[in-house]
Amino acid sequence: MTVSGSQVQQAPAAWHNPPESQQSGEGGSATVRIELYGVLAELAGASALEMAPPAEEATVGAVLERLRRDHPALAEQLDASAVAIGDRLVSADTPVAADSRLALLPPVSGG
């Protein structure tokens, strides 16, 4: 299965790769979709992950904590990454509703 041109890796039990039917937004149960860009996608081996909404404190911080726990290779980059919901940057205490789509934006450099 391919997501946005990147090979998708099998995710831990709490995570799953978006089924083909949900990649275009069709049906399915409530999930939080995490879109990964740049080095985050490379480290995770996937451009997107999905998870059930966190039962505990459904906040951006809770989602990031679960990512750190389940994908330790991402931890250092997550600390420096921005998070967006829709077209606005959000903080760790921002609530995360079921069916949210978070974009994780790692720092970039250029010249």
PDB file of N, CA and C in Angstrom:
ATOM      1  N   MET A   1       0.854  -1.175   0.000  1.00  0.00           N
ATOM      2  CA  MET A   1       0.000   0.000   0.000  1.00  0.00           C
ATOM      3  C   MET A   1       0.897   1.235   0.000  1.00  0.00           C
ATOM      4  N   THR A   2       0.507   2.261  -0.718  1.00  0.00           N
ATOM      5  CA  THR A   2       1.273   3.492  -0.792  1.00  0.00           C
ATOM      6  C   THR A   2       0.435   4.657  -0.317  1.00  0.00           C
ATOM      7  N   VAL A   3       1.026   5.557   0.455  1.00  0.00           N
ATOM      8  CA  VAL A   3       0.347   6.760   0.929  1.00  0.00           C
ATOM      9  C   VAL A   3       1.165   7.948   0.474  1.00  0.00           C
ATOM     10  N   SER A   4       0.589   8.824  -0.308  1.00  0.00           N
ATOM     11  CA  SER A   4       1.259  10.039  -0.784  1.00  0.00           C
ATOM     12  C   SER A   4       2.643   9.745  -1.342  1.00  0.00           C
ATOM     13  N   GLY A   5       2.780   8.645  -2.057  1.00  0.00           N
ATOM     14  CA  GLY A   5       4.036   8.336  -2.707  1.00  0.00           C
ATOM     15  C   GLY A   5       5.089   7.717  -1.812  1.00  0.00           C
ATOM     16  N   SER A   6       4.836   7.532  -0.535  1.00  0.00           N
ATOM     17  CA  SER A   6       5.811   6.929   0.370  1.00  0.00           C
ATOM     18  C   SER A   6       5.348   5.543   0.761  1.00  0.00           C
ATOM     19  N   GLN A   7       6.288   4.646   0.916  1.00  0.00           N
ATOM     20  CA  GLN A   7       5.961   3.305   1.363  1.00  0.00           C
ATOM     21  C   GLN A   7       5.492   3.374   2.803  1.00  0.00           C
ATOM     22  N   VAL A   8       4.430   2.660   3.135  1.00  0.00           N
ATOM     23  CA  VAL A   8       3.878   2.677   4.481  1.00  0.00           C
ATOM     24  C   VAL A   8       4.378   1.464   5.239  1.00  0.00           C
ATOM     25  N   GLN A   9       4.854   1.686   6.445  1.00  0.00           N
ATOM     26  CA  GLN A   9       5.389   0.641   7.304  1.00  0.00           C
ATOM     27  C   GLN A   9       4.305   0.165   8.253  1.00  0.00           C
ATOM     28  N   GLN A  10       4.371  -1.110   8.654  1.00  0.00           N
ATOM     29  CA  GLN A  10       3.415  -1.625   9.626  1.00  0.00           C
ATOM     30  C   GLN A  10       3.565  -0.854  10.924  1.00  0.00           C
ATOM     31  N   ALA A  11       2.469  -0.377  11.454  1.00  0.00           N
ATOM     32  CA  ALA A  11       2.484   0.444  12.658  1.00  0.00           C
ATOM     33  C   ALA A  11       2.252  -0.417  13.897  1.00  0.00           C
ATOM     34  N   PRO A  12       2.674   0.081  15.094  1.00  0.00           N
ATOM     35  CA  PRO A  12       2.387  -0.642  16.335  1.00  0.00           C
ATOM     36  C   PRO A  12       0.884  -0.833  16.517  1.00  0.00           C
ATOM     37  N   ALA A  13       0.493  -1.706  17.428  1.00  0.00           N
ATOM     38  CA  ALA A  13      -0.912  -2.056  17.617  1.00  0.00           C
ATOM     39  C   ALA A  13      -1.817  -0.849  17.831  1.00  0.00           C
ATOM     40  N   ALA A  14      -1.354   0.173  18.540  1.00  0.00           N
ATOM     41  CA  ALA A  14      -2.199   1.342  18.803  1.00  0.00           C
ATOM     42  C   ALA A  14      -2.361   2.214  17.562  1.00  0.00           C
ATOM     43  N   TRP A  15      -1.554   1.978  16.550  1.00  0.00           N
ATOM     44  CA  TRP A  15      -1.551   2.784  15.334  1.00  0.00           C
ATOM     45  C   TRP A  15      -1.932   1.905  14.169  1.00  0.00           C
ATOM     46  N   HIS A  16      -2.456   2.496  13.130  1.00  0.00           N
ATOM     47  CA  HIS A  16      -2.666   1.740  11.907  1.00  0.00           C
ATOM     48  C   HIS A  16      -2.482   2.649  10.711  1.00  0.00           C
ATOM     49  N   ASN A  17      -2.130   2.025   9.613  1.00  0.00           N
ATOM     50  CA  ASN A  17      -1.961   2.764   8.379  1.00  0.00           C
ATOM     51  C   ASN A  17      -3.340   3.025   7.799  1.00  0.00           C
ATOM     52  N   PRO A  18      -3.560   4.178   7.200  1.00  0.00           N
ATOM     53  CA  PRO A  18      -4.879   4.501   6.672  1.00  0.00           C
ATOM     54  C   PRO A  18      -5.303   3.517   5.592  1.00  0.00           C
ATOM     55  N   PRO A  19      -6.482   2.885   5.750  1.00  0.00           N
ATOM     56  CA  PRO A  19      -6.976   2.003   4.699  1.00  0.00           C
ATOM     57  C   PRO A  19      -7.223   2.806   3.430  1.00  0.00           C
ATOM     58  N   GLU A  20      -7.151   2.130   2.288  1.00  0.00           N
ATOM     59  CA  GLU A  20      -7.365   2.804   1.010  1.00  0.00           C
ATOM     60  C   GLU A  20      -8.674   3.588   1.002  1.00  0.00           C
ATOM     61  N   SER A  21      -9.753   3.025   1.594  1.00  0.00           N
ATOM     62  CA  SER A  21     -11.055   3.704   1.572  1.00  0.00           C
ATOM     63  C   SER A  21     -11.049   4.989   2.388  1.00  0.00           C
ATOM     64  N   GLN A  22     -10.176   5.077   3.417  1.00  0.00           N
ATOM     65  CA  GLN A  22     -10.152   6.278   4.248  1.00  0.00           C
ATOM     66  C   GLN A  22      -9.165   7.318   3.750  1.00  0.00           C
ATOM     67  N   GLN A  23      -8.282   6.947   2.827  1.00  0.00           N
ATOM     68  CA  GLN A  23      -7.335   7.923   2.315  1.00  0.00           C
ATOM     69  C   GLN A  23      -8.040   9.037   1.579  1.00  0.00           C
ATOM     70  N   SER A  24      -9.199   8.749   1.013  1.00  0.00           N
ATOM     71  CA  SER A  24      -9.946   9.787   0.313  1.00  0.00           C
ATOM     72  C   SER A  24     -11.062  10.336   1.180  1.00  0.00           C
ATOM     73  N   GLY A  25     -11.069   9.968   2.480  1.00  0.00           N
ATOM     74  CA  GLY A  25     -12.033  10.516   3.412  1.00  0.00           C
ATOM     75  C   GLY A  25     -13.348   9.768   3.478  1.00  0.00           C
ATOM     76  N   GLU A  26     -13.410   8.557   2.968  1.00  0.00           N
ATOM     77  CA  GLU A  26     -14.654   7.798   2.960  1.00  0.00           C
ATOM     78  C   GLU A  26     -14.813   6.981   4.232  1.00  0.00           C
ATOM     79  N   GLY A  27     -15.938   7.080   4.879  1.00  0.00           N
ATOM     80  CA  GLY A  27     -16.382   6.210   5.963  1.00  0.00           C
ATOM     81  C   GLY A  27     -15.341   5.852   7.014  1.00  0.00           C
ATOM     82  N   GLY A  28     -15.665   4.805   7.821  1.00  0.00           N
ATOM     83  CA  GLY A  28     -14.746   4.320   8.827  1.00  0.00           C
ATOM     84  C   GLY A  28     -15.059   4.890  10.199  1.00  0.00           C
ATOM     85  N   SER A  29     -14.383   4.347  11.216  1.00  0.00           N
ATOM     86  CA  SER A  29     -14.602   4.824  12.575  1.00  0.00           C
ATOM     87  C   SER A  29     -13.771   6.072  12.838  1.00  0.00           C
ATOM     88  N   ALA A  30     -14.037   6.705  13.965  1.00  0.00           N
ATOM     89  CA  ALA A  30     -13.344   7.944  14.329  1.00  0.00           C
ATOM     90  C   ALA A  30     -11.864   7.665  14.554  1.00  0.00           C
ATOM     91  N   THR A  31     -11.025   8.429  13.911  1.00  0.00           N
ATOM     92  CA  THR A  31      -9.586   8.307  14.079  1.00  0.00           C
ATOM     93  C   THR A  31      -8.949   9.688  14.046  1.00  0.00           C
ATOM     94  N   VAL A  32      -7.750   9.753  14.579  1.00  0.00           N
ATOM     95  CA  VAL A  32      -6.922  10.947  14.453  1.00  0.00           C
ATOM     96  C   VAL A  32      -5.870  10.601  13.415  1.00  0.00           C
ATOM     97  N   ARG A  33      -5.765  11.406  12.374  1.00  0.00           N
ATOM     98  CA  ARG A  33      -4.775  11.180  11.322  1.00  0.00           C
ATOM     99  C   ARG A  33      -3.589  12.109  11.581  1.00  0.00           C
ATOM    100  N   ILE A  34      -2.392  11.537  11.565  1.00  0.00           N
ATOM    101  CA  ILE A  34      -1.175  12.301  11.768  1.00  0.00           C
ATOM    102  C   ILE A  34      -0.394  12.253  10.457  1.00  0.00           C
ATOM    103  N   GLU A  35      -0.254  13.413   9.817  1.00  0.00           N
ATOM    104  CA  GLU A  35       0.508  13.499   8.574  1.00  0.00           C
ATOM    105  C   GLU A  35       1.932  13.899   8.916  1.00  0.00           C
ATOM    106  N   LEU A  36       2.882  13.149   8.389  1.00  0.00           N
ATOM    107  CA  LEU A  36       4.297  13.350   8.681  1.00  0.00           C
ATOM    108  C   LEU A  36       4.998  13.897   7.450  1.00  0.00           C
ATOM    109  N   TYR A  37       5.856  14.863   7.654  1.00  0.00           N
ATOM    110  CA  TYR A  37       6.582  15.478   6.550  1.00  0.00           C
ATOM    111  C   TYR A  37       8.072  15.441   6.799  1.00  0.00           C
ATOM    112  N   GLY A  38       8.847  15.543   5.721  1.00  0.00           N
ATOM    113  CA  GLY A  38      10.297  15.632   5.809  1.00  0.00           C
ATOM    114  C   GLY A  38      10.924  14.490   6.572  1.00  0.00           C
ATOM    115  N   VAL A  39      11.827  14.841   7.467  1.00  0.00           N
ATOM    116  CA  VAL A  39      12.580  13.852   8.223  1.00  0.00           C
ATOM    117  C   VAL A  39      11.658  12.975   9.081  1.00  0.00           C
ATOM    118  N   LEU A  40      10.531  13.498   9.537  1.00  0.00           N
ATOM    119  CA  LEU A  40       9.607  12.686  10.337  1.00  0.00           C
ATOM    120  C   LEU A  40       9.062  11.516   9.518  1.00  0.00           C
ATOM    121  N   ALA A  41       8.675  11.779   8.280  1.00  0.00           N
ATOM    122  CA  ALA A  41       8.183  10.704   7.406  1.00  0.00           C
ATOM    123  C   ALA A  41       9.289   9.684   7.139  1.00  0.00           C
ATOM    124  N   GLU A  42      10.508  10.178   6.937  1.00  0.00           N
ATOM    125  CA  GLU A  42      11.633   9.267   6.704  1.00  0.00           C
ATOM    126  C   GLU A  42      11.886   8.375   7.913  1.00  0.00           C
ATOM    127  N   LEU A  43      11.895   8.966   9.108  1.00  0.00           N
ATOM    128  CA  LEU A  43      12.164   8.193  10.323  1.00  0.00           C
ATOM    129  C   LEU A  43      11.060   7.187  10.627  1.00  0.00           C
ATOM    130  N   ALA A  44       9.808   7.555  10.356  1.00  0.00           N
ATOM    131  CA  ALA A  44       8.680   6.670  10.632  1.00  0.00           C
ATOM    132  C   ALA A  44       8.485   5.632   9.536  1.00  0.00           C
ATOM    133  N   GLY A  45       9.028   5.905   8.354  1.00  0.00           N
ATOM    134  CA  GLY A  45       8.826   4.996   7.235  1.00  0.00           C
ATOM    135  C   GLY A  45       7.427   5.097   6.657  1.00  0.00           C
ATOM    136  N   ALA A  46       6.748   6.223   6.926  1.00  0.00           N
ATOM    137  CA  ALA A  46       5.377   6.417   6.441  1.00  0.00           C
ATOM    138  C   ALA A  46       5.101   7.913   6.373  1.00  0.00           C
ATOM    139  N   SER A  47       4.205   8.297   5.479  1.00  0.00           N
ATOM    140  CA  SER A  47       3.838   9.709   5.377  1.00  0.00           C
ATOM    141  C   SER A  47       2.607  10.038   6.210  1.00  0.00           C
ATOM    142  N   ALA A  48       1.948   9.009   6.748  1.00  0.00           N
ATOM    143  CA  ALA A  48       0.773   9.237   7.594  1.00  0.00           C
ATOM    144  C   ALA A  48       0.558   8.039   8.500  1.00  0.00           C
ATOM    145  N   LEU A  49       0.026   8.318   9.683  1.00  0.00           N
ATOM    146  CA  LEU A  49      -0.391   7.291  10.634  1.00  0.00           C
ATOM    147  C   LEU A  49      -1.775   7.665  11.129  1.00  0.00           C
ATOM    148  N   GLU A  50      -2.523   6.681  11.574  1.00  0.00           N
ATOM    149  CA  GLU A  50      -3.814   6.944  12.197  1.00  0.00           C
ATOM    150  C   GLU A  50      -3.878   6.203  13.511  1.00  0.00           C
ATOM    151  N   MET A  51      -4.620   6.786  14.453  1.00  0.00           N
ATOM    152  CA  MET A  51      -4.789   6.170  15.758  1.00  0.00           C
ATOM    153  C   MET A  51      -6.191   6.478  16.264  1.00  0.00           C
ATOM    154  N   ALA A  52      -6.650   5.668  17.200  1.00  0.00           N
ATOM    155  CA  ALA A  52      -7.898   5.993  17.887  1.00  0.00           C
ATOM    156  C   ALA A  52      -7.636   7.257  18.697  1.00  0.00           C
ATOM    157  N   PRO A  53      -8.622   8.127  18.826  1.00  0.00           N
ATOM    158  CA  PRO A  53      -8.398   9.338  19.628  1.00  0.00           C
ATOM    159  C   PRO A  53      -7.957   8.966  21.040  1.00  0.00           C
ATOM    160  N   PRO A  54      -7.008   9.716  21.605  1.00  0.00           N
ATOM    161  CA  PRO A  54      -6.542   9.405  22.957  1.00  0.00           C
ATOM    162  C   PRO A  54      -7.694   9.505  23.956  1.00  0.00           C
ATOM    163  N   ALA A  55      -7.849   8.485  24.787  1.00  0.00           N
ATOM    164  CA  ALA A  55      -8.910   8.505  25.800  1.00  0.00           C
ATOM    165  C   ALA A  55      -8.556   9.494  26.899  1.00  0.00           C
ATOM    166  N   GLU A  56      -7.266   9.517  27.239  1.00  0.00           N
ATOM    167  CA  GLU A  56      -6.783  10.411  28.279  1.00  0.00           C
ATOM    168  C   GLU A  56      -6.474  11.770  27.682  1.00  0.00           C
ATOM    169  N   GLU A  57      -6.956  12.814  28.311  1.00  0.00           N
ATOM    170  CA  GLU A  57      -6.661  14.168  27.862  1.00  0.00           C
ATOM    171  C   GLU A  57      -6.444  14.248  26.357  1.00  0.00           C
ATOM    172  N   ALA A  58      -7.499  14.267  25.615  1.00  0.00           N
ATOM    173  CA  ALA A  58      -7.410  14.311  24.156  1.00  0.00           C
ATOM    174  C   ALA A  58      -6.887  15.672  23.714  1.00  0.00           C
ATOM    175  N   THR A  59      -5.555  15.806  23.797  1.00  0.00           N
ATOM    176  CA  THR A  59      -4.892  17.050  23.410  1.00  0.00           C
ATOM    177  C   THR A  59      -3.772  16.728  22.433  1.00  0.00           C
ATOM    178  N   VAL A  60      -3.256  17.747  21.786  1.00  0.00           N
ATOM    179  CA  VAL A  60      -2.100  17.580  20.911  1.00  0.00           C
ATOM    180  C   VAL A  60      -0.946  16.973  21.709  1.00  0.00           C
ATOM    181  N   GLY A  61      -0.744  17.432  22.930  1.00  0.00           N
ATOM    182  CA  GLY A  61       0.319  16.891  23.774  1.00  0.00           C
ATOM    183  C   GLY A  61       0.183  15.398  24.016  1.00  0.00           C
ATOM    184  N   ALA A  62      -1.047  14.910  24.224  1.00  0.00           N
ATOM    185  CA  ALA A  62      -1.275  13.480  24.439  1.00  0.00           C
ATOM    186  C   ALA A  62      -0.954  12.686  23.175  1.00  0.00           C
ATOM    187  N   VAL A  63      -1.303  13.222  22.019  1.00  0.00           N
ATOM    188  CA  VAL A  63      -0.987  12.561  20.750  1.00  0.00           C
ATOM    189  C   VAL A  63       0.531  12.493  20.573  1.00  0.00           C
ATOM    190  N   LEU A  64       1.220  13.609  20.833  1.00  0.00           N
ATOM    191  CA  LEU A  64       2.674  13.637  20.694  1.00  0.00           C
ATOM    192  C   LEU A  64       3.350  12.684  21.670  1.00  0.00           C
ATOM    193  N   GLU A  65       2.827  12.594  22.888  1.00  0.00           N
ATOM    194  CA  GLU A  65       3.400  11.679  23.876  1.00  0.00           C
ATOM    195  C   GLU A  65       3.267  10.231  23.415  1.00  0.00           C
ATOM    196  N   ARG A  66       2.113   9.892  22.844  1.00  0.00           N
ATOM    197  CA  ARG A  66       1.926   8.528  22.339  1.00  0.00           C
ATOM    198  C   ARG A  66       2.872   8.269  21.169  1.00  0.00           C
ATOM    199  N   LEU A  67       3.068   9.255  20.315  1.00  0.00           N
ATOM    200  CA  LEU A  67       4.027   9.107  19.206  1.00  0.00           C
ATOM    201  C   LEU A  67       5.434   8.861  19.747  1.00  0.00           C
ATOM    202  N   ARG A  68       5.836   9.629  20.765  1.00  0.00           N
ATOM    203  CA  ARG A  68       7.167   9.451  21.369  1.00  0.00           C
ATOM    204  C   ARG A  68       7.326   8.037  21.924  1.00  0.00           C
ATOM    205  N   ARG A  69       6.289   7.555  22.565  1.00  0.00           N
ATOM    206  CA  ARG A  69       6.342   6.229  23.185  1.00  0.00           C
ATOM    207  C   ARG A  69       6.387   5.118  22.128  1.00  0.00           C
ATOM    208  N   ASP A  70       5.535   5.231  21.113  1.00  0.00           N
ATOM    209  CA  ASP A  70       5.408   4.168  20.123  1.00  0.00           C
ATOM    210  C   ASP A  70       6.416   4.267  18.978  1.00  0.00           C
ATOM    211  N   HIS A  71       6.980   5.443  18.764  1.00  0.00           N
ATOM    212  CA  HIS A  71       7.961   5.663  17.692  1.00  0.00           C
ATOM    213  C   HIS A  71       9.149   6.446  18.257  1.00  0.00           C
ATOM    214  N   PRO A  72       9.983   5.809  19.076  1.00  0.00           N
ATOM    215  CA  PRO A  72      11.077   6.509  19.742  1.00  0.00           C
ATOM    216  C   PRO A  72      12.031   7.229  18.782  1.00  0.00           C
ATOM    217  N   ALA A  73      12.160   6.754  17.572  1.00  0.00           N
ATOM    218  CA  ALA A  73      13.044   7.404  16.601  1.00  0.00           C
ATOM    219  C   ALA A  73      12.585   8.819  16.275  1.00  0.00           C
ATOM    220  N   LEU A  74      11.312   9.121  16.516  1.00  0.00           N
ATOM    221  CA  LEU A  74      10.772  10.445  16.219  1.00  0.00           C
ATOM    222  C   LEU A  74      10.965  11.443  17.357  1.00  0.00           C
ATOM    223  N   ALA A  75      11.252  10.971  18.551  1.00  0.00           N
ATOM    224  CA  ALA A  75      11.221  11.805  19.759  1.00  0.00           C
ATOM    225  C   ALA A  75      12.011  13.102  19.631  1.00  0.00           C
ATOM    226  N   GLU A  76      13.249  13.021  19.209  1.00  0.00           N
ATOM    227  CA  GLU A  76      14.084  14.224  19.139  1.00  0.00           C
ATOM    228  C   GLU A  76      13.510  15.232  18.137  1.00  0.00           C
ATOM    229  N   GLN A  77      13.038  14.758  17.004  1.00  0.00           N
ATOM    230  CA  GLN A  77      12.475  15.651  15.986  1.00  0.00           C
ATOM    231  C   GLN A  77      11.124  16.232  16.424  1.00  0.00           C
ATOM    232  N   LEU A  78      10.344  15.464  17.180  1.00  0.00           N
ATOM    233  CA  LEU A  78       9.046  15.966  17.640  1.00  0.00           C
ATOM    234  C   LEU A  78       9.213  17.183  18.532  1.00  0.00           C
ATOM    235  N   ASP A  79      10.269  17.185  19.336  1.00  0.00           N
ATOM    236  CA  ASP A  79      10.506  18.310  20.237  1.00  0.00           C
ATOM    237  C   ASP A  79      10.700  19.620  19.487  1.00  0.00           C
ATOM    238  N   ALA A  80      11.196  19.555  18.262  1.00  0.00           N
ATOM    239  CA  ALA A  80      11.471  20.765  17.484  1.00  0.00           C
ATOM    240  C   ALA A  80      10.433  21.021  16.397  1.00  0.00           C
ATOM    241  N   SER A  81       9.418  20.169  16.306  1.00  0.00           N
ATOM    242  CA  SER A  81       8.434  20.275  15.223  1.00  0.00           C
ATOM    243  C   SER A  81       7.232  21.113  15.623  1.00  0.00           C
ATOM    244  N   ALA A  82       6.648  21.757  14.637  1.00  0.00           N
ATOM    245  CA  ALA A  82       5.388  22.485  14.827  1.00  0.00           C
ATOM    246  C   ALA A  82       4.242  21.535  14.495  1.00  0.00           C
ATOM    247  N   VAL A  83       3.079  21.800  15.083  1.00  0.00           N
ATOM    248  CA  VAL A  83       1.885  20.993  14.819  1.00  0.00           C
ATOM    249  C   VAL A  83       0.799  21.914  14.303  1.00  0.00           C
ATOM    250  N   ALA A  84       0.135  21.478  13.245  1.00  0.00           N
ATOM    251  CA  ALA A  84      -0.977  22.242  12.689  1.00  0.00           C
ATOM    252  C   ALA A  84      -2.223  21.366  12.650  1.00  0.00           C
ATOM    253  N   ILE A  85      -3.345  21.999  12.915  1.00  0.00           N
ATOM    254  CA  ILE A  85      -4.647  21.386  12.689  1.00  0.00           C
ATOM    255  C   ILE A  85      -5.335  22.312  11.702  1.00  0.00           C
ATOM    256  N   GLY A  86      -5.676  21.765  10.551  1.00  0.00           N
ATOM    257  CA  GLY A  86      -6.202  22.622   9.493  1.00  0.00           C
ATOM    258  C   GLY A  86      -5.103  23.548   9.028  1.00  0.00           C
ATOM    259  N   ASP A  87      -5.394  24.827   8.967  1.00  0.00           N
ATOM    260  CA  ASP A  87      -4.399  25.783   8.479  1.00  0.00           C
ATOM    261  C   ASP A  87      -3.816  26.649   9.595  1.00  0.00           C
ATOM    262  N   ARG A  88      -3.919  26.161  10.860  1.00  0.00           N
ATOM    263  CA  ARG A  88      -3.345  26.975  11.935  1.00  0.00           C
ATOM    264  C   ARG A  88      -2.443  26.143  12.827  1.00  0.00           C
ATOM    265  N   LEU A  89      -1.359  26.775  13.255  1.00  0.00           N
ATOM    266  CA  LEU A  89      -0.438  26.135  14.192  1.00  0.00           C
ATOM    267  C   LEU A  89      -1.093  26.094  15.565  1.00  0.00           C
ATOM    268  N   VAL A  90      -0.882  24.999  16.282  1.00  0.00           N
ATOM    269  CA  VAL A  90      -1.525  24.815  17.578  1.00  0.00           C
ATOM    270  C   VAL A  90      -0.494  24.449  18.637  1.00  0.00           C
ATOM    271  N   SER A  91      -0.886  24.606  19.901  1.00  0.00           N
ATOM    272  CA  SER A  91      -0.008  24.272  21.020  1.00  0.00           C
ATOM    273  C   SER A  91      -0.374  22.906  21.588  1.00  0.00           C
ATOM    274  N   ALA A  92       0.452  22.420  22.503  1.00  0.00           N
ATOM    275  CA  ALA A  92       0.268  21.098  23.095  1.00  0.00           C
ATOM    276  C   ALA A  92      -1.038  20.962  23.864  1.00  0.00           C
ATOM    277  N   ASP A  93      -1.576  22.063  24.381  1.00  0.00           N
ATOM    278  CA  ASP A  93      -2.815  21.973  25.160  1.00  0.00           C
ATOM    279  C   ASP A  93      -4.080  22.108  24.296  1.00  0.00           C
ATOM    280  N   THR A  94      -3.921  22.174  22.988  1.00  0.00           N
ATOM    281  CA  THR A  94      -5.076  22.261  22.087  1.00  0.00           C
ATOM    282  C   THR A  94      -5.838  20.941  22.092  1.00  0.00           C
ATOM    283  N   PRO A  95      -7.155  20.966  22.285  1.00  0.00           N
ATOM    284  CA  PRO A  95      -7.943  19.732  22.246  1.00  0.00           C
ATOM    285  C   PRO A  95      -7.905  19.080  20.859  1.00  0.00           C
ATOM    286  N   VAL A  96      -7.943  17.752  20.858  1.00  0.00           N
ATOM    287  CA  VAL A  96      -7.974  16.979  19.617  1.00  0.00           C
ATOM    288  C   VAL A  96      -9.285  16.211  19.583  1.00  0.00           C
ATOM    289  N   ALA A  97     -10.118  16.527  18.612  1.00  0.00           N
ATOM    290  CA  ALA A  97     -11.403  15.846  18.455  1.00  0.00           C
ATOM    291  C   ALA A  97     -11.230  14.603  17.587  1.00  0.00           C
ATOM    292  N   ALA A  98     -12.168  13.669  17.714  1.00  0.00           N
ATOM    293  CA  ALA A  98     -12.187  12.517  16.821  1.00  0.00           C
ATOM    294  C   ALA A  98     -12.258  13.043  15.397  1.00  0.00           C
ATOM    295  N   ASP A  99     -11.642  12.341  14.486  1.00  0.00           N
ATOM    296  CA  ASP A  99     -11.580  12.706  13.067  1.00  0.00           C
ATOM    297  C   ASP A  99     -10.719  13.931  12.799  1.00  0.00           C
ATOM    298  N   SER A 100      -9.840  14.300  13.750  1.00  0.00           N
ATOM    299  CA  SER A 100      -8.919  15.406  13.516  1.00  0.00           C
ATOM    300  C   SER A 100      -7.803  14.966  12.579  1.00  0.00           C
ATOM    301  N   ARG A 101      -7.218  15.928  11.910  1.00  0.00           N
ATOM    302  CA  ARG A 101      -6.045  15.694  11.064  1.00  0.00           C
ATOM    303  C   ARG A 101      -4.952  16.633  11.543  1.00  0.00           C
ATOM    304  N   LEU A 102      -3.879  16.050  12.069  1.00  0.00           N
ATOM    305  CA  LEU A 102      -2.742  16.829  12.538  1.00  0.00           C
ATOM    306  C   LEU A 102      -1.619  16.722  11.515  1.00  0.00           C
ATOM    307  N   ALA A 103      -0.961  17.819  11.256  1.00  0.00           N
ATOM    308  CA  ALA A 103       0.217  17.818  10.399  1.00  0.00           C
ATOM    309  C   ALA A 103       1.421  18.139  11.272  1.00  0.00           C
ATOM    310  N   LEU A 104       2.428  17.281  11.246  1.00  0.00           N
ATOM    311  CA  LEU A 104       3.649  17.504  11.998  1.00  0.00           C
ATOM    312  C   LEU A 104       4.692  18.075  11.053  1.00  0.00           C
ATOM    313  N   LEU A 105       5.160  19.273  11.375  1.00  0.00           N
ATOM    314  CA  LEU A 105       6.058  20.010  10.494  1.00  0.00           C
ATOM    315  C   LEU A 105       7.431  20.145  11.142  1.00  0.00           C
ATOM    316  N   PRO A 106       8.401  19.379  10.676  1.00  0.00           N
ATOM    317  CA  PRO A 106       9.737  19.448  11.265  1.00  0.00           C
ATOM    318  C   PRO A 106      10.415  20.748  10.848  1.00  0.00           C
ATOM    319  N   PRO A 107      11.422  21.151  11.598  1.00  0.00           N
ATOM    320  CA  PRO A 107      12.157  22.359  11.209  1.00  0.00           C
ATOM    321  C   PRO A 107      12.875  22.113   9.884  1.00  0.00           C
ATOM    322  N   VAL A 108      13.015  23.154   9.114  1.00  0.00           N
ATOM    323  CA  VAL A 108      13.720  23.059   7.836  1.00  0.00           C
ATOM    324  C   VAL A 108      14.793  24.138   7.798  1.00  0.00           C
ATOM    325  N   SER A 109      15.772  23.929   6.968  1.00  0.00           N
ATOM    326  CA  SER A 109      16.783  24.953   6.782  1.00  0.00           C
ATOM    327  C   SER A 109      17.061  25.066   5.284  1.00  0.00           C
ATOM    328  N   GLY A 110      17.559  26.146   4.923  1.00  0.00           N
ATOM    329  CA  GLY A 110      17.854  26.343   3.498  1.00  0.00           C
ATOM    330  C   GLY A 110      18.638  27.619   3.316  1.00  0.00           C
ATOM    331  N   GLY A 111      18.871  27.924   2.090  1.00  0.00           N
ATOM    332  CA  GLY A 111      19.674  29.105   1.867  1.00  0.00           C
ATOM    333  C   GLY A 111      19.265  29.870   0.657  1.00  0.00           C
TER     334      GLY A 111
END
